[in-house]
Structure formats: C-alpha cells, structure tokens
Protein backbone atom coordinates (compact mmCIF):
# COMPACT_ATOMS: atom_id res chain seq x y z
CA UNK A 1 162.35 115.15 160.87
CA UNK A 2 158.60 114.67 160.08
CA UNK A 3 158.03 118.02 162.02
CA UNK A 4 160.09 119.57 159.92
CA UNK A 5 158.31 118.13 156.86
CA UNK A 6 154.93 119.50 158.33
CA UNK A 7 157.18 122.86 158.69
CA UNK A 8 157.93 122.75 155.24
CA UNK A 9 154.44 121.71 153.92
CA UNK A 10 152.40 124.72 155.98
CA UNK A 11 155.31 127.38 154.46
CA UNK A 12 154.63 126.07 151.42
CA UNK A 13 151.29 126.73 151.72
CA UNK A 14 151.03 129.89 153.21
CA UNK A 15 153.96 131.18 150.85
CA UNK A 16 151.75 130.15 147.39
CA UNK A 17 148.50 132.04 149.30
CA UNK A 18 149.63 135.18 148.55
CA UNK A 19 150.95 134.92 144.81
CA UNK A 20 147.34 135.08 143.34
CA UNK A 21 147.09 138.54 144.72
CA UNK A 22 150.54 139.69 143.38
CA UNK A 23 149.74 138.48 140.05
CA UNK A 24 145.84 139.66 139.96
CA UNK A 25 147.50 143.52 141.38
CA UNK A 26 150.07 143.19 138.63
CA UNK A 27 147.47 142.52 136.03
CA UNK A 28 144.52 144.63 136.68
CA UNK A 29 146.72 147.60 138.33
CA UNK A 30 143.73 148.43 140.55
CA UNK A 31 144.63 148.58 144.42
CA UNK A 32 141.69 150.13 145.55
CA UNK A 33 140.66 147.07 147.63
CA UNK A 34 143.99 146.75 149.70
CA UNK A 35 144.48 148.11 152.52
CA UNK A 36 148.08 150.00 152.62
CA UNK A 37 148.07 149.74 156.49
CA UNK A 38 147.35 145.64 156.54
CA UNK A 39 150.06 145.24 153.85
CA UNK A 40 152.73 147.85 155.73
CA UNK A 41 152.23 145.74 158.69
CA UNK A 42 152.37 142.02 157.08
CA UNK A 43 155.14 143.01 154.92
CA UNK A 44 157.12 144.47 158.63
CA UNK A 45 156.01 141.34 160.57
CA UNK A 46 157.25 138.42 157.76
CA UNK A 47 160.67 140.76 157.68
CA UNK A 48 160.61 140.25 161.10
CA UNK A 49 159.68 136.28 161.23
CA UNK A 50 162.40 135.98 158.65
CA UNK A 51 164.94 137.63 160.96
CA UNK A 52 163.93 135.52 163.30
CA UNK A 53 164.46 132.17 161.48
CA UNK A 54 167.49 132.99 160.63
CA UNK A 55 168.82 134.06 163.93
CA UNK A 56 167.34 130.41 165.21
CA UNK A 57 168.25 128.80 162.08
CA UNK A 58 164.68 127.54 161.37
CA UNK A 59 164.54 126.68 158.17
CA UNK A 60 160.77 126.53 157.49
CA UNK A 61 160.41 130.23 159.20
CA UNK A 62 163.49 131.45 156.39
CA UNK A 63 162.27 129.88 153.54
CA UNK A 64 158.30 130.65 153.95
CA UNK A 65 159.19 134.04 155.32
CA UNK A 66 161.65 134.77 152.66
CA UNK A 67 159.72 133.89 149.38
CA UNK A 68 156.19 135.33 151.06
CA UNK A 69 157.93 138.62 151.09
CA UNK A 70 158.56 138.60 147.29
CA UNK A 71 154.80 138.96 146.48
CA UNK A 72 154.23 141.28 149.69
CA UNK A 73 157.03 143.83 148.37
CA UNK A 74 155.27 143.50 144.58
CA UNK A 75 151.85 144.31 146.26
CA UNK A 76 153.02 146.96 148.82
CA UNK A 77 155.26 148.49 145.47
CA UNK A 78 152.17 148.58 143.40
CA UNK A 79 149.97 150.22 146.32
CA UNK A 80 152.57 153.01 146.53
CA UNK A 81 152.63 153.58 142.95
CA UNK A 82 149.35 153.83 142.60
CA UNK A 83 148.80 156.37 145.81
CA UNK A 84 151.66 158.39 144.11
CA UNK A 85 150.27 158.40 140.55
CA UNK A 86 146.34 159.61 142.16
CA UNK A 87 145.06 156.31 140.71
CA UNK A 88 144.09 155.36 145.07
CA UNK A 89 143.62 157.26 147.87
CA UNK A 90 144.70 156.82 151.32
CA UNK A 91 141.35 156.74 153.22
C-alpha cells in the first residue's frame, strides 16, 4: 500500500507541474517559446502511458496520464491555433 501512495504522490506532483504552462499559455496567448515537436511527442507519450495504465490496471498511471493530458492538449491546441493564424511559425 505505501508504494501505491508514493505512486499517487509522484503522479500528483508531475501532473500539477504542467498546469502553470497551460494557464500561462491561455492567458498570454504566446506560444512562440513552445516547441511543437516536444508537445506532440509528449502528448503521444502520455496517451501511450495512459493506455498502458488501463491495460495493466495501474491506478497512478491512469490518473496521472489522464489528468496530464488535459494541460498538454490545451497547450498543443493553442500552439496549433497560433500556427494556423500566423501568430507563430514552425521554425
């Protein structure tokens, strides 16, 4: 049981660490300092970890990656939106 609690604690901290970037991006609308490749790879990675967590019935993996997906998708969507509108560029 204590190992599972450690997993949930680590998952909580990791998940919370992504919300400040998402909030800053939404408030400022500035995505120029954000790497599209990094957020694409990261989003695909946490989706994969979430699926793995579901398949292995690993609670901390499911919760952490499911919740981390929210701010990751917000930032990714804002980056793509800025690219489409011309406010940001790929390179």
